[in-house]
């Protein structure tokens, strides 16, 4: 799993009471959906459930099978420990702010 430097720092030293916007990419490969588009629903659902269990929310799906999520920093370590995630980066690093809608 790839973790950006800020994510590794939050995993190791989370700030109590602060949330973070992350771009999370599940490991599952997209499959062709019925309408010819890529379908990552199963992988997205598993990650969304994990994010919700950690007190976070999925803000929206992103291109290339990633999700924009908001999660308390205290939950970053648990999210990083999952084996069904390929990549976690901060949304600000990639230019996907939660307020961009």
C-alpha atoms as a PDB file:
ATOM      1  CA  UNK A   1       0.000   0.000   0.000  1.00  0.00           C
ATOM      2  CA  UNK A   2       1.199   3.477  -0.850  1.00  0.00           C
ATOM      3  CA  UNK A   3       0.820   6.070   1.920  1.00  0.00           C
ATOM      4  CA  UNK A   4       1.792   9.679   1.358  1.00  0.00           C
ATOM      5  CA  UNK A   5       4.135  11.209   3.910  1.00  0.00           C
ATOM      6  CA  UNK A   6       1.380  13.274   5.609  1.00  0.00           C
ATOM      7  CA  UNK A   7      -0.789  10.152   5.915  1.00  0.00           C
ATOM      8  CA  UNK A   8       2.084   8.211   7.520  1.00  0.00           C
ATOM      9  CA  UNK A   9       2.557  11.081   9.960  1.00  0.00           C
ATOM     10  CA  UNK A  10      -1.174  11.113  10.862  1.00  0.00           C
ATOM     11  CA  UNK A  11      -1.140   7.334  11.251  1.00  0.00           C
ATOM     12  CA  UNK A  12       1.738   7.566  13.725  1.00  0.00           C
ATOM     13  CA  UNK A  13       0.772  10.817  15.484  1.00  0.00           C
ATOM     14  CA  UNK A  14      -2.928  11.638  14.995  1.00  0.00           C
ATOM     15  CA  UNK A  15      -4.228  14.936  16.322  1.00  0.00           C
ATOM     16  CA  UNK A  16      -7.171  14.392  18.647  1.00  0.00           C
ATOM     17  CA  UNK A  17     -10.405  15.987  17.494  1.00  0.00           C
ATOM     18  CA  UNK A  18      -9.180  16.826  13.982  1.00  0.00           C
ATOM     19  CA  UNK A  19     -10.504  15.360  10.743  1.00  0.00           C
ATOM     20  CA  UNK A  20      -8.741  14.971   7.424  1.00  0.00           C
ATOM     21  CA  UNK A  21      -9.833  14.641   3.791  1.00  0.00           C
ATOM     22  CA  UNK A  22      -8.200  11.646   2.113  1.00  0.00           C
ATOM     23  CA  UNK A  23      -8.143  10.087  -1.327  1.00  0.00           C
ATOM     24  CA  UNK A  24      -8.491   6.330  -0.833  1.00  0.00           C
ATOM     25  CA  UNK A  25      -8.055   3.818  -3.655  1.00  0.00           C
ATOM     26  CA  UNK A  26      -9.342   0.271  -3.036  1.00  0.00           C
ATOM     27  CA  UNK A  27      -7.160  -2.608  -4.274  1.00  0.00           C
ATOM     28  CA  UNK A  28      -9.948  -4.233  -6.281  1.00  0.00           C
ATOM     29  CA  UNK A  29      -9.647  -3.825 -10.020  1.00  0.00           C
ATOM     30  CA  UNK A  30     -12.633  -2.163 -11.684  1.00  0.00           C
ATOM     31  CA  UNK A  31     -14.902  -4.466 -13.674  1.00  0.00           C
ATOM     32  CA  UNK A  32     -17.090  -3.571 -16.615  1.00  0.00           C
ATOM     33  CA  UNK A  33     -20.513  -2.455 -15.476  1.00  0.00           C
ATOM     34  CA  UNK A  34     -23.699  -3.285 -17.350  1.00  0.00           C
ATOM     35  CA  UNK A  35     -23.581   0.073 -19.146  1.00  0.00           C
ATOM     36  CA  UNK A  36     -19.939  -0.334 -20.217  1.00  0.00           C
ATOM     37  CA  UNK A  37     -18.524   1.873 -17.466  1.00  0.00           C
ATOM     38  CA  UNK A  38     -16.085   0.735 -14.830  1.00  0.00           C
ATOM     39  CA  UNK A  39     -17.757  -0.750 -11.766  1.00  0.00           C
ATOM     40  CA  UNK A  40     -15.915  -0.757  -8.431  1.00  0.00           C
ATOM     41  CA  UNK A  41     -19.049  -0.963  -6.281  1.00  0.00           C
ATOM     42  CA  UNK A  42     -18.018  -3.945  -4.133  1.00  0.00           C
ATOM     43  CA  UNK A  43     -14.605  -2.497  -3.307  1.00  0.00           C
ATOM     44  CA  UNK A  44     -16.073   0.961  -2.760  1.00  0.00           C
ATOM     45  CA  UNK A  45     -18.759  -0.450  -0.454  1.00  0.00           C
ATOM     46  CA  UNK A  46     -16.181  -2.265   1.699  1.00  0.00           C
ATOM     47  CA  UNK A  47     -14.040   0.848   2.067  1.00  0.00           C
ATOM     48  CA  UNK A  48     -17.106   3.042   2.683  1.00  0.00           C
ATOM     49  CA  UNK A  49     -18.236   0.702   5.468  1.00  0.00           C
ATOM     50  CA  UNK A  50     -14.777   0.829   7.050  1.00  0.00           C
ATOM     51  CA  UNK A  51     -14.715   4.627   6.846  1.00  0.00           C
ATOM     52  CA  UNK A  52     -18.174   4.824   8.463  1.00  0.00           C
ATOM     53  CA  UNK A  53     -17.088   2.429  11.234  1.00  0.00           C
ATOM     54  CA  UNK A  54     -14.211   4.814  11.966  1.00  0.00           C
ATOM     55  CA  UNK A  55     -16.555   7.811  12.235  1.00  0.00           C
ATOM     56  CA  UNK A  56     -15.942   9.162   8.746  1.00  0.00           C
ATOM     57  CA  UNK A  57     -17.920   9.700   5.559  1.00  0.00           C
ATOM     58  CA  UNK A  58     -17.412   9.162   1.854  1.00  0.00           C
ATOM     59  CA  UNK A  59     -17.770  12.587   0.257  1.00  0.00           C
ATOM     60  CA  UNK A  60     -17.827  11.379  -3.350  1.00  0.00           C
ATOM     61  CA  UNK A  61     -16.284   8.928  -5.809  1.00  0.00           C
ATOM     62  CA  UNK A  62     -13.301  10.180  -7.801  1.00  0.00           C
ATOM     63  CA  UNK A  63     -11.909   9.201 -11.202  1.00  0.00           C
ATOM     64  CA  UNK A  64      -9.839   6.034 -11.547  1.00  0.00           C
ATOM     65  CA  UNK A  65     -11.602   4.105  -8.789  1.00  0.00           C
ATOM     66  CA  UNK A  66     -10.702   6.305  -5.815  1.00  0.00           C
ATOM     67  CA  UNK A  67     -12.924   7.785  -3.111  1.00  0.00           C
ATOM     68  CA  UNK A  68     -12.754  11.153  -1.394  1.00  0.00           C
ATOM     69  CA  UNK A  69     -13.346  10.534   2.311  1.00  0.00           C
ATOM     70  CA  UNK A  70     -13.396  12.616   5.468  1.00  0.00           C
ATOM     71  CA  UNK A  71     -12.236  10.807   8.598  1.00  0.00           C
ATOM     72  CA  UNK A  72     -11.095  11.672  12.131  1.00  0.00           C
ATOM     73  CA  UNK A  73      -7.299  11.539  12.329  1.00  0.00           C
ATOM     74  CA  UNK A  74      -7.612   8.964  15.119  1.00  0.00           C
ATOM     75  CA  UNK A  75      -9.022   6.522  12.532  1.00  0.00           C
ATOM     76  CA  UNK A  76      -6.233   6.904   9.972  1.00  0.00           C
ATOM     77  CA  UNK A  77      -4.121   4.130  11.534  1.00  0.00           C
ATOM     78  CA  UNK A  78      -6.980   1.639  11.339  1.00  0.00           C
ATOM     79  CA  UNK A  79      -7.704   2.602   7.738  1.00  0.00           C
ATOM     80  CA  UNK A  80      -4.019   2.162   6.858  1.00  0.00           C
ATOM     81  CA  UNK A  81      -4.026  -1.329   8.407  1.00  0.00           C
ATOM     82  CA  UNK A  82      -6.606  -2.644   5.913  1.00  0.00           C
ATOM     83  CA  UNK A  83      -5.399  -4.983   3.186  1.00  0.00           C
ATOM     84  CA  UNK A  84      -8.073  -3.950   0.668  1.00  0.00           C
ATOM     85  CA  UNK A  85      -6.649  -0.464   0.058  1.00  0.00           C
ATOM     86  CA  UNK A  86      -3.919   0.256  -2.499  1.00  0.00           C
ATOM     87  CA  UNK A  87      -3.275   3.948  -1.839  1.00  0.00           C
ATOM     88  CA  UNK A  88      -4.088   6.694   0.670  1.00  0.00           C
ATOM     89  CA  UNK A  89      -3.101  10.321   0.127  1.00  0.00           C
ATOM     90  CA  UNK A  90      -4.304  13.622   1.513  1.00  0.00           C
ATOM     91  CA  UNK A  91      -6.927  15.285  -0.663  1.00  0.00           C
ATOM     92  CA  UNK A  92      -5.141  18.636  -0.496  1.00  0.00           C
ATOM     93  CA  UNK A  93      -1.976  17.113  -1.968  1.00  0.00           C
ATOM     94  CA  UNK A  94      -3.916  15.951  -5.014  1.00  0.00           C
ATOM     95  CA  UNK A  95      -6.111  19.045  -5.288  1.00  0.00           C
ATOM     96  CA  UNK A  96      -9.362  17.333  -4.240  1.00  0.00           C
ATOM     97  CA  UNK A  97     -10.658  19.569  -1.457  1.00  0.00           C
ATOM     98  CA  UNK A  98     -13.930  18.654   0.213  1.00  0.00           C
ATOM     99  CA  UNK A  99     -15.299  22.125  -0.476  1.00  0.00           C
ATOM    100  CA  UNK A 100     -14.733  21.803  -4.231  1.00  0.00           C
ATOM    101  CA  UNK A 101     -17.904  19.713  -4.682  1.00  0.00           C
END
